[in-house]
Each structure stands twice: as structure tokens, then as C-alpha cells.
Amino acid sequence: MKRRELLLLLGGALMTARGLRAQQKAMSVIGFLSSGSPGPFAPLVAAFRQGLSETGYVEGQTVAIEYRWAEGSYDRLPALAADLVGRKVDVIAASGGPLPALAAKSATSTIPIVFSSGVDPVESGLVASLARPGGNLTGFTILSLELMPKRLELLSELVPQASVFALLVNPNNAGIEPMIRHLQEAARAKGLKLHVLKASTESEIDAAFASLIKLQAGALVIGALVVNEVVGWRQRI
């Protein structure tokens, strides 16, 4: 994540929000909305706070942060976003994929929203266009979708003897189908067989790993997951 770019966007959104308010609060409030959990996201939150402090926003002194965690339950995001809007935060920082930003977008058309995403923000419905995004959202994409075929290529170079690969994804995440198409095209181009395994619950994760043995997959690509899912799955390998 390009932390400095994100924090510049967030700082600009904060200043805009404060300038639009007729009556200023004693302290600005950031709503932090995430699809993940506090534990796995701790390093990112620490970097987020550090970046804020470098731009003059120190948590507890010049800014307050209201944290809302969906903990992998994406259906909780709309209620969490609505709660932040009800608390009249000055800006919402959406983290953990496009779904938190989409939930925030549905909850408010006036509070600035800053997002980071690994999928096309236009295709996922976050903004109208890259040149003229419009609305109350701003942010950037890290182009993870476009990088997935390259990851498959690198993995095939690491295990050149493998001809069968598996892709493990969370079907609830936005951008899954385009990712699958990209990787299947890349696999066909290299003469590889790619099995797609979908899992979003603990039992489905266990079943997916059991399938890897039956499929005799030589390598595994993990894509489009929130951080806490990556950590949980890595512990099973």
C-alpha cells in the first residue's frame, strides 16, 4: 500500500469536511471501516496512525478514530457503515477491499470516503471513472487483479515440474470472477491446469485444503482475501 498517497488523500478529505461544517467539533473524527479483524490488521493500523501523525493528526490529541471491524462477516458492513454515519464522523477510511468502501458509499453521499482497493474501482462501482470519479469517494487501486497472472507465472517457475495448480479464493469478495478469468487464461497460455477452490467459512477452508491432496496440485495461489483469512489459511499449510 502506498501509505503516503493514502494519507495525503485522507488529510485532504479531513480538511474539506472541516471546512464544510458550520460548527466545528472540538476534535475531528475519522471512521475506520474494515472487512477484517483488529489482530491481523494491527501492523496496517499502526502504519495508518503513524502516517496520520506525520501529517499533524495524532490520535487522541488532534483526531479521534472510531474503529469498526466486520471480522470477515461482510454482511455486517452496511450496519457498521451506517453506525459511523450516525456518529457524524468527518471522513471514512475504508480498508480491506472494495466492499467496505461500497458499504460506506451506500450509507452516505456527503461524508468523504477514502479507499484503497485491489480491483478496478470503476468496474466495482466505487467511482464513475478514473478521470472524473465524482461523488464523495477518492482513493487508489494497487492493481492486484492485473498482477495475479504474474504471480502464477512466478510460481510456475519456482516449481517447474508442476502442471496442476489450484487457486483458493473467498467467493464473497468483489472482483473474484474477473480474477478467475485472468488466471485461467494465464494458465492455458502456459499449458497448466488450474483448479478453482472457493471457501469463506472454516469448514469450507478445511475442505478446500483436503481437495488439494485429491487434486494432486503442485502449487497453490491465494487471491482476493482479507488479511485475517490469509493468516488463518497459512497456519493450515
C-alpha atoms as a PDB file:
ATOM      1  CA  MET A   1       0.000   0.000   0.000  1.00  0.00           C
ATOM      2  CA  LYS A   2       1.269   3.477  -0.858  1.00  0.00           C
ATOM      3  CA  ARG A   3       0.728   4.847   2.627  1.00  0.00           C
ATOM      4  CA  ARG A   4       1.837   8.399   1.897  1.00  0.00           C
ATOM      5  CA  GLU A   5      -0.626   8.743  -1.002  1.00  0.00           C
ATOM      6  CA  LEU A   6      -3.455   7.379   1.123  1.00  0.00           C
ATOM      7  CA  LEU A   7      -2.681   9.739   3.990  1.00  0.00           C
ATOM      8  CA  LEU A   8      -2.480  12.755   1.675  1.00  0.00           C
ATOM      9  CA  LEU A   9      -5.941  11.874   0.360  1.00  0.00           C
ATOM     10  CA  LEU A  10      -7.235  11.346   3.880  1.00  0.00           C
ATOM     11  CA  GLY A  11      -5.762  14.616   5.134  1.00  0.00           C
ATOM     12  CA  GLY A  12      -7.309  16.485   2.225  1.00  0.00           C
ATOM     13  CA  ALA A  13     -10.676  14.871   2.894  1.00  0.00           C
ATOM     14  CA  LEU A  14     -10.470  15.861   6.557  1.00  0.00           C
ATOM     15  CA  MET A  15      -9.715  19.483   5.747  1.00  0.00           C
ATOM     16  CA  THR A  16     -12.562  19.592   3.218  1.00  0.00           C
ATOM     17  CA  ALA A  17     -15.007  18.091   5.700  1.00  0.00           C
ATOM     18  CA  ARG A  18     -13.992  20.516   8.438  1.00  0.00           C
ATOM     19  CA  GLY A  19     -14.302  23.477   6.103  1.00  0.00           C
ATOM     20  CA  LEU A  20     -17.830  22.489   5.143  1.00  0.00           C
ATOM     21  CA  ARG A  21     -19.096  22.223   8.718  1.00  0.00           C
ATOM     22  CA  ALA A  22     -20.800  25.309  10.115  1.00  0.00           C
ATOM     23  CA  GLN A  23     -19.981  24.264  13.651  1.00  0.00           C
ATOM     24  CA  GLN A  24     -16.702  22.503  14.154  1.00  0.00           C
ATOM     25  CA  LYS A  25     -16.231  19.715  16.669  1.00  0.00           C
ATOM     26  CA  ALA A  26     -13.515  20.073  19.291  1.00  0.00           C
ATOM     27  CA  MET A  27     -11.708  17.193  17.584  1.00  0.00           C
ATOM     28  CA  SER A  28     -12.074  15.739  14.096  1.00  0.00           C
ATOM     29  CA  VAL A  29     -13.260  12.122  13.931  1.00  0.00           C
ATOM     30  CA  ILE A  30     -12.169   9.513  11.401  1.00  0.00           C
ATOM     31  CA  GLY A  31     -14.319   6.455  10.868  1.00  0.00           C
ATOM     32  CA  PHE A  32     -12.147   3.415  10.128  1.00  0.00           C
ATOM     33  CA  LEU A  33     -14.235   0.710   8.436  1.00  0.00           C
ATOM     34  CA  SER A  34     -12.600  -2.640   7.734  1.00  0.00           C
ATOM     35  CA  SER A  35     -13.712  -6.033   6.499  1.00  0.00           C
ATOM     36  CA  GLY A  36     -11.023  -7.695   8.628  1.00  0.00           C
ATOM     37  CA  SER A  37     -10.177  -8.157  12.303  1.00  0.00           C
ATOM     38  CA  PRO A  38      -8.077  -5.995  14.686  1.00  0.00           C
ATOM     39  CA  GLY A  39      -5.370  -8.616  15.288  1.00  0.00           C
ATOM     40  CA  PRO A  40      -4.246  -9.369  11.730  1.00  0.00           C
ATOM     41  CA  PHE A  41      -4.720  -5.724  10.742  1.00  0.00           C
ATOM     42  CA  ALA A  42      -2.612  -4.400  13.649  1.00  0.00           C
ATOM     43  CA  PRO A  43       0.501  -3.620  11.533  1.00  0.00           C
ATOM     44  CA  LEU A  44      -1.629  -1.748   8.987  1.00  0.00           C
ATOM     45  CA  VAL A  45      -3.396   0.215  11.713  1.00  0.00           C
ATOM     46  CA  ALA A  46      -0.027   1.114  13.243  1.00  0.00           C
ATOM     47  CA  ALA A  47       1.179   2.394   9.850  1.00  0.00           C
ATOM     48  CA  PHE A  48      -2.102   4.258   9.428  1.00  0.00           C
ATOM     49  CA  ARG A  49      -1.640   6.032  12.768  1.00  0.00           C
ATOM     50  CA  GLN A  50       1.986   6.820  12.020  1.00  0.00           C
ATOM     51  CA  GLY A  51       1.090   8.310   8.662  1.00  0.00           C
ATOM     52  CA  LEU A  52      -1.598  10.444  10.276  1.00  0.00           C
ATOM     53  CA  SER A  53       0.845  11.707  12.881  1.00  0.00           C
ATOM     54  CA  GLU A  54       3.325  12.653  10.156  1.00  0.00           C
ATOM     55  CA  THR A  55       0.675  14.930   8.651  1.00  0.00           C
ATOM     56  CA  GLY A  56      -0.203  16.505  12.016  1.00  0.00           C
ATOM     57  CA  TYR A  57      -3.099  14.254  13.078  1.00  0.00           C
ATOM     58  CA  VAL A  58      -2.283  12.479  16.343  1.00  0.00           C
ATOM     59  CA  GLU A  59      -4.872  10.038  17.626  1.00  0.00           C
ATOM     60  CA  GLY A  60      -6.269  11.158  20.962  1.00  0.00           C
ATOM     61  CA  GLN A  61      -4.778  14.652  20.636  1.00  0.00           C
ATOM     62  CA  THR A  62      -5.845  16.239  17.366  1.00  0.00           C
ATOM     63  CA  VAL A  63      -8.040  13.499  15.921  1.00  0.00           C
ATOM     64  CA  ALA A  64     -10.221  10.656  17.191  1.00  0.00           C
ATOM     65  CA  ILE A  65     -10.665   7.363  15.338  1.00  0.00           C
ATOM     66  CA  GLU A  66     -13.806   5.244  15.510  1.00  0.00           C
ATOM     67  CA  TYR A  67     -12.922   1.659  14.512  1.00  0.00           C
ATOM     68  CA  ARG A  68     -15.480  -0.744  13.047  1.00  0.00           C
ATOM     69  CA  TRP A  69     -14.456  -4.321  12.212  1.00  0.00           C
ATOM     70  CA  ALA A  70     -16.562  -6.758  10.184  1.00  0.00           C
ATOM     71  CA  GLU A  71     -14.148  -9.623  11.062  1.00  0.00           C
ATOM     72  CA  GLY A  72     -14.747 -11.356   7.754  1.00  0.00           C
ATOM     73  CA  SER A  73     -18.555 -11.152   8.004  1.00  0.00           C
ATOM     74  CA  TYR A  74     -19.216  -8.941   5.010  1.00  0.00           C
ATOM     75  CA  ASP A  75     -22.945  -8.766   5.674  1.00  0.00           C
ATOM     76  CA  ARG A  76     -22.128  -6.668   8.769  1.00  0.00           C
ATOM     77  CA  LEU A  77     -20.527  -3.882   6.717  1.00  0.00           C
ATOM     78  CA  PRO A  78     -23.727  -1.937   5.865  1.00  0.00           C
ATOM     79  CA  ALA A  79     -24.732  -1.700   9.546  1.00  0.00           C
ATOM     80  CA  LEU A  80     -21.196  -0.728  10.593  1.00  0.00           C
ATOM     81  CA  ALA A  81     -21.059   1.960   7.898  1.00  0.00           C
ATOM     82  CA  ALA A  82     -24.475   3.280   8.943  1.00  0.00           C
ATOM     83  CA  ASP A  83     -23.269   3.442  12.545  1.00  0.00           C
ATOM     84  CA  LEU A  84     -20.287   5.595  11.555  1.00  0.00           C
ATOM     85  CA  VAL A  85     -22.547   7.884   9.543  1.00  0.00           C
ATOM     86  CA  GLY A  86     -24.899   8.154  12.516  1.00  0.00           C
ATOM     87  CA  ARG A  87     -21.971   9.227  14.669  1.00  0.00           C
ATOM     88  CA  LYS A  88     -21.277  12.043  12.182  1.00  0.00           C
ATOM     89  CA  VAL A  89     -17.636  11.220  11.524  1.00  0.00           C
ATOM     90  CA  ASP A  90     -15.749  13.710   9.364  1.00  0.00           C
ATOM     91  CA  VAL A  91     -14.302  11.150   6.958  1.00  0.00           C
ATOM     92  CA  ILE A  92     -14.426   7.377   6.482  1.00  0.00           C
ATOM     93  CA  ALA A  93     -11.285   5.359   5.713  1.00  0.00           C
ATOM     94  CA  ALA A  94     -12.365   2.085   4.085  1.00  0.00           C
ATOM     95  CA  SER A  95      -9.912  -0.802   4.337  1.00  0.00           C
ATOM     96  CA  GLY A  96      -9.865  -4.461   3.359  1.00  0.00           C
ATOM     97  CA  GLY A  97     -11.054  -4.472  -0.239  1.00  0.00           C
ATOM     98  CA  PRO A  98     -13.837  -2.682  -2.117  1.00  0.00           C
ATOM     99  CA  LEU A  99     -16.735  -3.980  -0.007  1.00  0.00           C
ATOM    100  CA  PRO A 100     -16.193  -1.593   2.971  1.00  0.00           C
ATOM    101  CA  ALA A 101     -15.999   1.346   0.563  1.00  0.00           C
ATOM    102  CA  LEU A 102     -19.165   0.207  -1.225  1.00  0.00           C
ATOM    103  CA  ALA A 103     -20.970  -0.111   2.122  1.00  0.00           C
ATOM    104  CA  ALA A 104     -19.835   3.393   3.095  1.00  0.00           C
ATOM    105  CA  LYS A 105     -20.895   4.738  -0.311  1.00  0.00           C
ATOM    106  CA  SER A 106     -24.378   3.299   0.194  1.00  0.00           C
ATOM    107  CA  ALA A 107     -24.577   4.797   3.681  1.00  0.00           C
ATOM    108  CA  THR A 108     -23.652   8.394   2.806  1.00  0.00           C
ATOM    109  CA  SER A 109     -23.334  10.689  -0.186  1.00  0.00           C
ATOM    110  CA  THR A 110     -21.862  13.608   1.763  1.00  0.00           C
ATOM    111  CA  ILE A 111     -19.157  12.300   4.137  1.00  0.00           C
ATOM    112  CA  PRO A 112     -15.822  11.969   2.296  1.00  0.00           C
ATOM    113  CA  ILE A 113     -14.688   8.360   1.834  1.00  0.00           C
ATOM    114  CA  VAL A 114     -11.068   7.360   1.208  1.00  0.00           C
ATOM    115  CA  PHE A 115     -10.460   3.825  -0.052  1.00  0.00           C
ATOM    116  CA  SER A 116      -7.705   1.525  -1.240  1.00  0.00           C
ATOM    117  CA  SER A 117      -8.651  -1.359  -3.495  1.00  0.00           C
ATOM    118  CA  GLY A 118      -7.061  -4.212  -5.348  1.00  0.00           C
ATOM    119  CA  VAL A 119      -9.722  -4.233  -8.075  1.00  0.00           C
ATOM    120  CA  ASP A 120     -10.772  -1.780 -10.752  1.00  0.00           C
ATOM    121  CA  PRO A 121     -12.669   0.963  -8.853  1.00  0.00           C
ATOM    122  CA  VAL A 122     -14.789   1.728 -11.918  1.00  0.00           C
ATOM    123  CA  GLU A 123     -15.738  -1.887 -12.589  1.00  0.00           C
ATOM    124  CA  SER A 124     -16.525  -2.482  -8.911  1.00  0.00           C
ATOM    125  CA  GLY A 125     -18.817   0.559  -8.792  1.00  0.00           C
ATOM    126  CA  LEU A 126     -16.775   2.750  -6.460  1.00  0.00           C
ATOM    127  CA  VAL A 127     -16.339   5.655  -8.887  1.00  0.00           C
ATOM    128  CA  ALA A 128     -17.799   6.727 -12.217  1.00  0.00           C
ATOM    129  CA  SER A 129     -14.426   6.978 -13.969  1.00  0.00           C
ATOM    130  CA  LEU A 130     -10.744   7.361 -13.157  1.00  0.00           C
ATOM    131  CA  ALA A 131     -10.551  10.806 -14.781  1.00  0.00           C
ATOM    132  CA  ARG A 132     -13.784  12.091 -13.205  1.00  0.00           C
ATOM    133  CA  PRO A 133     -14.642   9.906 -10.220  1.00  0.00           C
ATOM    134  CA  GLY A 134     -17.403  12.217  -8.981  1.00  0.00           C
ATOM    135  CA  GLY A 135     -19.318  11.659  -5.761  1.00  0.00           C
ATOM    136  CA  ASN A 136     -17.720  11.614  -2.325  1.00  0.00           C
ATOM    137  CA  LEU A 137     -15.140   8.846  -2.834  1.00  0.00           C
ATOM    138  CA  THR A 138     -11.440   9.087  -3.566  1.00  0.00           C
ATOM    139  CA  GLY A 139      -8.601   6.605  -3.288  1.00  0.00           C
ATOM    140  CA  PHE A 140      -6.356   4.361  -5.358  1.00  0.00           C
ATOM    141  CA  THR A 141      -6.001   0.801  -6.594  1.00  0.00           C
ATOM    142  CA  ILE A 142      -2.961  -1.421  -6.195  1.00  0.00           C
ATOM    143  CA  LEU A 143      -3.836  -3.368  -9.381  1.00  0.00           C
ATOM    144  CA  SER A 144      -3.692  -6.758  -7.657  1.00  0.00           C
ATOM    145  CA  LEU A 145      -6.056  -8.223 -10.251  1.00  0.00           C
ATOM    146  CA  GLU A 146      -3.646  -7.410 -13.060  1.00  0.00           C
ATOM    147  CA  LEU A 147      -0.737  -8.830 -11.035  1.00  0.00           C
ATOM    148  CA  MET A 148      -2.325 -12.231 -10.354  1.00  0.00           C
ATOM    149  CA  PRO A 149      -1.265 -13.806 -13.701  1.00  0.00           C
ATOM    150  CA  LYS A 150       2.306 -12.694 -12.955  1.00  0.00           C
ATOM    151  CA  ARG A 151       2.123 -14.447  -9.593  1.00  0.00           C
ATOM    152  CA  LEU A 152       1.051 -17.642 -11.329  1.00  0.00           C
ATOM    153  CA  GLU A 153       3.960 -17.285 -13.745  1.00  0.00           C
ATOM    154  CA  LEU A 154       6.458 -16.807 -10.904  1.00  0.00           C
ATOM    155  CA  LEU A 155       5.021 -19.765  -9.019  1.00  0.00           C
ATOM    156  CA  SER A 156       5.324 -21.997 -12.081  1.00  0.00           C
ATOM    157  CA  GLU A 157       8.986 -21.002 -12.355  1.00  0.00           C
ATOM    158  CA  LEU A 158       9.550 -21.969  -8.721  1.00  0.00           C
ATOM    159  CA  VAL A 159       8.005 -25.413  -9.254  1.00  0.00           C
ATOM    160  CA  PRO A 160       8.631 -26.114 -12.958  1.00  0.00           C
ATOM    161  CA  GLN A 161       7.761 -29.784 -12.536  1.00  0.00           C
ATOM    162  CA  ALA A 162       4.168 -28.952 -11.523  1.00  0.00           C
ATOM    163  CA  SER A 163       1.471 -28.975 -14.201  1.00  0.00           C
ATOM    164  CA  VAL A 164      -1.548 -28.816 -11.883  1.00  0.00           C
ATOM    165  CA  PHE A 165      -2.203 -25.663  -9.853  1.00  0.00           C
ATOM    166  CA  ALA A 166      -5.011 -24.546  -7.565  1.00  0.00           C
ATOM    167  CA  LEU A 167      -6.483 -21.109  -6.913  1.00  0.00           C
ATOM    168  CA  LEU A 168      -8.027 -20.537  -3.473  1.00  0.00           C
ATOM    169  CA  VAL A 169     -10.429 -17.593  -3.153  1.00  0.00           C
ATOM    170  CA  ASN A 170     -13.180 -16.197  -0.976  1.00  0.00           C
ATOM    171  CA  PRO A 171     -16.309 -16.117  -3.187  1.00  0.00           C
ATOM    172  CA  ASN A 172     -17.814 -13.282  -1.119  1.00  0.00           C
ATOM    173  CA  ASN A 173     -15.129 -10.820  -2.167  1.00  0.00           C
ATOM    174  CA  ALA A 174     -15.740  -8.427  -5.041  1.00  0.00           C
ATOM    175  CA  GLY A 175     -13.670  -8.944  -8.171  1.00  0.00           C
ATOM    176  CA  ILE A 176     -13.429 -12.738  -7.871  1.00  0.00           C
ATOM    177  CA  GLU A 177     -14.822 -13.669 -11.279  1.00  0.00           C
ATOM    178  CA  PRO A 178     -12.511 -11.338 -13.277  1.00  0.00           C
ATOM    179  CA  MET A 179      -9.566 -12.677 -11.259  1.00  0.00           C
ATOM    180  CA  ILE A 180     -10.525 -16.259 -12.036  1.00  0.00           C
ATOM    181  CA  ARG A 181     -10.823 -15.463 -15.746  1.00  0.00           C
ATOM    182  CA  HIS A 182      -7.427 -13.742 -15.790  1.00  0.00           C
ATOM    183  CA  LEU A 183      -5.713 -16.676 -14.098  1.00  0.00           C
ATOM    184  CA  GLN A 184      -7.439 -19.321 -16.208  1.00  0.00           C
ATOM    185  CA  GLU A 185      -6.294 -17.529 -19.374  1.00  0.00           C
ATOM    186  CA  ALA A 186      -2.751 -17.297 -17.994  1.00  0.00           C
ATOM    187  CA  ALA A 187      -2.784 -20.998 -17.042  1.00  0.00           C
ATOM    188  CA  ARG A 188      -3.992 -22.062 -20.519  1.00  0.00           C
ATOM    189  CA  ALA A 189      -1.300 -19.942 -22.154  1.00  0.00           C
ATOM    190  CA  LYS A 190       1.359 -21.812 -20.140  1.00  0.00           C
ATOM    191  CA  GLY A 191      -0.216 -25.224 -20.647  1.00  0.00           C
ATOM    192  CA  LEU A 192      -1.163 -25.555 -16.966  1.00  0.00           C
ATOM    193  CA  LYS A 193      -4.322 -26.950 -15.399  1.00  0.00           C
ATOM    194  CA  LEU A 194      -5.890 -24.636 -12.808  1.00  0.00           C
ATOM    195  CA  HIS A 195      -8.485 -25.813 -10.288  1.00  0.00           C
ATOM    196  CA  VAL A 196     -10.552 -23.104  -8.575  1.00  0.00           C
ATOM    197  CA  LEU A 197     -11.405 -23.706  -4.906  1.00  0.00           C
ATOM    198  CA  LYS A 198     -13.829 -21.378  -3.133  1.00  0.00           C
ATOM    199  CA  ALA A 199     -14.076 -21.060   0.645  1.00  0.00           C
ATOM    200  CA  SER A 200     -15.421 -18.470   3.067  1.00  0.00           C
ATOM    201  CA  THR A 201     -16.014 -20.456   6.274  1.00  0.00           C
ATOM    202  CA  GLU A 202     -13.707 -22.531   8.440  1.00  0.00           C
ATOM    203  CA  SER A 203     -15.295 -25.807   7.324  1.00  0.00           C
ATOM    204  CA  GLU A 204     -15.017 -24.785   3.664  1.00  0.00           C
ATOM    205  CA  ILE A 205     -11.358 -23.886   4.201  1.00  0.00           C
ATOM    206  CA  ASP A 206     -10.644 -27.336   5.659  1.00  0.00           C
ATOM    207  CA  ALA A 207     -12.477 -28.979   2.746  1.00  0.00           C
ATOM    208  CA  ALA A 208     -10.501 -26.883   0.252  1.00  0.00           C
ATOM    209  CA  PHE A 209      -7.179 -27.994   1.693  1.00  0.00           C
ATOM    210  CA  ALA A 210      -8.339 -31.602   1.673  1.00  0.00           C
ATOM    211  CA  SER A 211      -9.183 -31.168  -2.017  1.00  0.00           C
ATOM    212  CA  LEU A 212      -5.629 -30.047  -2.773  1.00  0.00           C
ATOM    213  CA  ILE A 213      -4.373 -33.521  -1.936  1.00  0.00           C
ATOM    214  CA  LYS A 214      -7.014 -35.243  -4.071  1.00  0.00           C
ATOM    215  CA  LEU A 215      -6.333 -32.924  -6.996  1.00  0.00           C
ATOM    216  CA  GLN A 216      -2.585 -33.530  -6.651  1.00  0.00           C
ATOM    217  CA  ALA A 217      -1.954 -29.816  -7.071  1.00  0.00           C
ATOM    218  CA  GLY A 218       1.698 -28.939  -7.233  1.00  0.00           C
ATOM    219  CA  ALA A 219       1.230 -25.340  -6.067  1.00  0.00           C
ATOM    220  CA  LEU A 220      -1.400 -23.026  -4.627  1.00  0.00           C
ATOM    221  CA  VAL A 221      -2.275 -19.428  -5.496  1.00  0.00           C
ATOM    222  CA  ILE A 222      -4.223 -17.489  -2.844  1.00  0.00           C
ATOM    223  CA  GLY A 223      -6.121 -14.474  -4.068  1.00  0.00           C
ATOM    224  CA  ALA A 224      -8.695 -11.819  -3.093  1.00  0.00           C
ATOM    225  CA  LEU A 225      -8.737 -12.470   0.627  1.00  0.00           C
ATOM    226  CA  VAL A 226      -8.872 -10.271   3.662  1.00  0.00           C
ATOM    227  CA  VAL A 227      -5.795 -10.366   5.883  1.00  0.00           C
ATOM    228  CA  ASN A 228      -7.252 -12.456   8.693  1.00  0.00           C
ATOM    229  CA  GLU A 229      -8.247 -15.163   6.195  1.00  0.00           C
ATOM    230  CA  VAL A 230      -4.725 -15.285   4.773  1.00  0.00           C
ATOM    231  CA  VAL A 231      -3.273 -15.711   8.261  1.00  0.00           C
ATOM    232  CA  GLY A 232      -5.765 -18.412   9.170  1.00  0.00           C
ATOM    233  CA  TRP A 233      -5.202 -20.370   5.982  1.00  0.00           C
ATOM    234  CA  ARG A 234      -1.415 -20.037   6.155  1.00  0.00           C
ATOM    235  CA  GLN A 235      -1.460 -21.740   9.537  1.00  0.00           C
ATOM    236  CA  ARG A 236      -3.102 -24.766   7.909  1.00  0.00           C
ATOM    237  CA  ILE A 237      -0.404 -25.265   5.253  1.00  0.00           C
END
